[in-house]
Amino acid sequence: MIIKDTENKGYKEFSIELVQKFAKDIGIKVEFVPTDWKTLVNGIPVGKYDMTTSASITPSRAKVSICGDPYIFFGTIPLDLAENIDKYRSWAEVGQLGITVAVTLGTSFESQAKNFFKNAHQKS
């Protein structure tokens, strides 16, 4: 939910606006620190930054950080080509051997894919 604006050398999108408004409301200055999904939450306990946004709440993340109330809720759906609409009738069928499932490392979707698609080949 955040992208780097290469023209203006900054960041933009909803989470940036939310953090800027929050900082203004409590009277602090914000410094944005680039990171990646795999180490998003881990940057907090090691002191890389004080908070992060757009992170799913998981038990392992809750062990190392304080999780606030979500400001947006997501669901997980598999995506495939429209021509394959009748190929799979359930998540279990997608998890069969020979199927390749793409996931983003470090996200809650990675652990979901490992759980739902145990026999599938996973690509990051």
C-alpha atoms as a PDB file:
ATOM      1  CA  MET A   1       0.000   0.000   0.000  1.00  0.00           C
ATOM      2  CA  ILE A   2       3.047   2.233  -0.252  1.00  0.00           C
ATOM      3  CA  ILE A   3       5.047   2.987  -3.367  1.00  0.00           C
ATOM      4  CA  LYS A   4       8.192   5.015  -3.908  1.00  0.00           C
ATOM      5  CA  ASP A   5       7.567   8.145  -5.978  1.00  0.00           C
ATOM      6  CA  THR A   6      10.714   8.314  -8.098  1.00  0.00           C
ATOM      7  CA  GLU A   7       9.803  11.730  -9.534  1.00  0.00           C
ATOM      8  CA  ASN A   8       9.521  13.422  -6.144  1.00  0.00           C
ATOM      9  CA  LYS A   9      12.012  11.150  -4.301  1.00  0.00           C
ATOM     10  CA  GLY A  10       9.396  10.358  -1.672  1.00  0.00           C
ATOM     11  CA  TYR A  11       6.661   7.875  -0.857  1.00  0.00           C
ATOM     12  CA  LYS A  12       2.943   7.990  -1.514  1.00  0.00           C
ATOM     13  CA  GLU A  13      -0.325   6.134  -1.044  1.00  0.00           C
ATOM     14  CA  PHE A  14      -2.807   5.570   1.777  1.00  0.00           C
ATOM     15  CA  SER A  15      -0.468   4.333   4.516  1.00  0.00           C
ATOM     16  CA  ILE A  16       1.829   7.349   4.036  1.00  0.00           C
ATOM     17  CA  GLU A  17      -1.082   9.763   4.376  1.00  0.00           C
ATOM     18  CA  LEU A  18      -2.321   7.894   7.436  1.00  0.00           C
ATOM     19  CA  VAL A  19       1.075   8.030   9.181  1.00  0.00           C
ATOM     20  CA  GLN A  20       1.557  11.704   8.290  1.00  0.00           C
ATOM     21  CA  LYS A  21      -1.856  12.557   9.771  1.00  0.00           C
ATOM     22  CA  PHE A  22      -1.124  10.496  12.892  1.00  0.00           C
ATOM     23  CA  ALA A  23       2.260  12.203  13.362  1.00  0.00           C
ATOM     24  CA  LYS A  24       0.694  15.639  12.932  1.00  0.00           C
ATOM     25  CA  ASP A  25      -2.051  14.790  15.449  1.00  0.00           C
ATOM     26  CA  ILE A  26       0.472  13.753  18.122  1.00  0.00           C
ATOM     27  CA  GLY A  27       3.031  16.439  17.229  1.00  0.00           C
ATOM     28  CA  ILE A  28       6.005  14.407  16.015  1.00  0.00           C
ATOM     29  CA  LYS A  29       8.173  14.412  12.894  1.00  0.00           C
ATOM     30  CA  VAL A  30       8.128  11.338  10.639  1.00  0.00           C
ATOM     31  CA  GLU A  31      11.166   9.819   8.967  1.00  0.00           C
ATOM     32  CA  PHE A  32      10.324   7.084   6.451  1.00  0.00           C
ATOM     33  CA  VAL A  33      12.775   4.178   6.314  1.00  0.00           C
ATOM     34  CA  PRO A  34      12.789   1.794   3.322  1.00  0.00           C
ATOM     35  CA  THR A  35      12.462  -1.905   4.095  1.00  0.00           C
ATOM     36  CA  ASP A  36      11.104  -5.062   2.492  1.00  0.00           C
ATOM     37  CA  TRP A  37       8.265  -7.445   3.309  1.00  0.00           C
ATOM     38  CA  LYS A  38      10.524 -10.171   4.663  1.00  0.00           C
ATOM     39  CA  THR A  39      11.956  -7.926   7.417  1.00  0.00           C
ATOM     40  CA  LEU A  40       9.040  -5.503   7.806  1.00  0.00           C
ATOM     41  CA  VAL A  41       8.172  -6.286  11.425  1.00  0.00           C
ATOM     42  CA  ASN A  42      11.686  -7.405  12.440  1.00  0.00           C
ATOM     43  CA  GLY A  43      12.926  -3.831  11.988  1.00  0.00           C
ATOM     44  CA  ILE A  44      11.017  -2.763  15.113  1.00  0.00           C
ATOM     45  CA  PRO A  45      12.743  -4.887  17.818  1.00  0.00           C
ATOM     46  CA  VAL A  46      16.206  -4.258  16.307  1.00  0.00           C
ATOM     47  CA  GLY A  47      15.673  -0.485  16.346  1.00  0.00           C
ATOM     48  CA  LYS A  48      15.674   0.132  12.577  1.00  0.00           C
ATOM     49  CA  TYR A  49      12.418   2.085  13.017  1.00  0.00           C
ATOM     50  CA  ASP A  50       9.734   2.662  15.642  1.00  0.00           C
ATOM     51  CA  MET A  51       6.635   1.459  13.808  1.00  0.00           C
ATOM     52  CA  THR A  52       5.432  -0.025  10.555  1.00  0.00           C
ATOM     53  CA  THR A  53       2.147  -0.100   8.675  1.00  0.00           C
ATOM     54  CA  SER A  54       0.422  -2.543   6.354  1.00  0.00           C
ATOM     55  CA  ALA A  55       1.581  -5.607   8.282  1.00  0.00           C
ATOM     56  CA  SER A  56      -0.764  -8.513   8.904  1.00  0.00           C
ATOM     57  CA  ILE A  57      -1.100  -9.508  12.545  1.00  0.00           C
ATOM     58  CA  THR A  58       0.323 -12.970  13.190  1.00  0.00           C
ATOM     59  CA  PRO A  59       1.270 -14.717  16.453  1.00  0.00           C
ATOM     60  CA  SER A  60       5.000 -14.524  15.653  1.00  0.00           C
ATOM     61  CA  ARG A  61       4.769 -10.797  14.905  1.00  0.00           C
ATOM     62  CA  ALA A  62       2.783 -10.189  18.092  1.00  0.00           C
ATOM     63  CA  LYS A  63       5.636 -11.776  20.087  1.00  0.00           C
ATOM     64  CA  VAL A  64       8.109  -9.085  18.988  1.00  0.00           C
ATOM     65  CA  SER A  65       5.904  -5.999  18.583  1.00  0.00           C
ATOM     66  CA  ILE A  66       2.750  -4.289  19.744  1.00  0.00           C
ATOM     67  CA  CYS A  67      -0.042  -4.641  17.196  1.00  0.00           C
ATOM     68  CA  GLY A  68      -2.625  -1.882  16.959  1.00  0.00           C
ATOM     69  CA  ASP A  69      -6.144  -2.191  15.650  1.00  0.00           C
ATOM     70  CA  PRO A  70      -6.283  -2.861  11.899  1.00  0.00           C
ATOM     71  CA  TYR A  71      -7.375   0.032   9.716  1.00  0.00           C
ATOM     72  CA  ILE A  72      -8.108  -2.229   6.747  1.00  0.00           C
ATOM     73  CA  PHE A  73      -9.081  -5.871   6.373  1.00  0.00           C
ATOM     74  CA  PHE A  74      -8.014  -8.240   3.584  1.00  0.00           C
ATOM     75  CA  GLY A  75      -9.053 -11.651   2.411  1.00  0.00           C
ATOM     76  CA  THR A  76      -7.030 -14.189   0.496  1.00  0.00           C
ATOM     77  CA  ILE A  77      -8.071 -15.492  -2.889  1.00  0.00           C
ATOM     78  CA  PRO A  78      -6.115 -17.505  -5.448  1.00  0.00           C
ATOM     79  CA  LEU A  79      -5.701 -15.874  -8.854  1.00  0.00           C
ATOM     80  CA  ASP A  80      -5.249 -17.647 -12.160  1.00  0.00           C
ATOM     81  CA  LEU A  81      -5.918 -17.091 -15.849  1.00  0.00           C
ATOM     82  CA  ALA A  82      -9.582 -16.684 -16.812  1.00  0.00           C
ATOM     83  CA  GLU A  83      -9.230 -19.641 -19.184  1.00  0.00           C
ATOM     84  CA  ASN A  84      -8.568 -21.882 -16.151  1.00  0.00           C
ATOM     85  CA  ILE A  85     -11.805 -20.960 -14.347  1.00  0.00           C
ATOM     86  CA  ASP A  86     -13.148 -24.527 -14.456  1.00  0.00           C
ATOM     87  CA  LYS A  87      -9.793 -26.236 -13.906  1.00  0.00           C
ATOM     88  CA  TYR A  88      -9.799 -26.099 -10.078  1.00  0.00           C
ATOM     89  CA  ARG A  89     -12.890 -26.552  -7.944  1.00  0.00           C
ATOM     90  CA  SER A  90     -11.254 -26.125  -4.536  1.00  0.00           C
ATOM     91  CA  TRP A  91      -8.105 -24.865  -2.789  1.00  0.00           C
ATOM     92  CA  ALA A  92      -7.157 -28.514  -2.233  1.00  0.00           C
ATOM     93  CA  GLU A  93      -7.013 -29.085  -5.998  1.00  0.00           C
ATOM     94  CA  VAL A  94      -4.654 -26.124  -6.383  1.00  0.00           C
ATOM     95  CA  GLY A  95      -2.367 -27.751  -3.814  1.00  0.00           C
ATOM     96  CA  GLN A  96      -1.766 -30.817  -5.965  1.00  0.00           C
ATOM     97  CA  LEU A  97       1.724 -31.775  -7.127  1.00  0.00           C
ATOM     98  CA  GLY A  98       2.829 -30.002 -10.277  1.00  0.00           C
ATOM     99  CA  ILE A  99       1.016 -26.760  -9.554  1.00  0.00           C
ATOM    100  CA  THR A 100       3.204 -23.693  -9.045  1.00  0.00           C
ATOM    101  CA  VAL A 101       1.977 -21.102  -6.545  1.00  0.00           C
ATOM    102  CA  ALA A 102       3.582 -17.643  -6.333  1.00  0.00           C
ATOM    103  CA  VAL A 103       3.803 -15.924  -2.936  1.00  0.00           C
ATOM    104  CA  THR A 104       5.453 -12.864  -1.428  1.00  0.00           C
ATOM    105  CA  LEU A 105       8.108 -13.771   1.149  1.00  0.00           C
ATOM    106  CA  GLY A 106       7.552 -12.602   4.694  1.00  0.00           C
ATOM    107  CA  THR A 107       3.815 -12.035   4.339  1.00  0.00           C
ATOM    108  CA  SER A 108       0.988 -13.847   6.062  1.00  0.00           C
ATOM    109  CA  PHE A 109       0.083 -15.056   2.564  1.00  0.00           C
ATOM    110  CA  GLU A 110       3.332 -17.041   2.443  1.00  0.00           C
ATOM    111  CA  SER A 111       2.355 -19.044   5.520  1.00  0.00           C
ATOM    112  CA  GLN A 112      -1.195 -19.473   4.206  1.00  0.00           C
ATOM    113  CA  ALA A 113       0.143 -20.830   0.913  1.00  0.00           C
ATOM    114  CA  LYS A 114       2.402 -23.277   2.746  1.00  0.00           C
ATOM    115  CA  ASN A 115      -0.579 -24.443   4.776  1.00  0.00           C
ATOM    116  CA  PHE A 116      -3.167 -24.657   1.974  1.00  0.00           C
ATOM    117  CA  PHE A 117      -0.874 -25.814  -0.848  1.00  0.00           C
ATOM    118  CA  LYS A 118       1.415 -28.300   0.924  1.00  0.00           C
ATOM    119  CA  ASN A 119       2.220 -30.299  -2.196  1.00  0.00           C
ATOM    120  CA  ALA A 120       2.502 -27.384  -4.613  1.00  0.00           C
ATOM    121  CA  HIS A 121       5.757 -25.860  -5.768  1.00  0.00           C
ATOM    122  CA  GLN A 122       6.006 -22.375  -4.253  1.00  0.00           C
ATOM    123  CA  LYS A 123       7.778 -19.503  -5.969  1.00  0.00           C
ATOM    124  CA  SER A 124       8.675 -16.288  -4.190  1.00  0.00           C
END
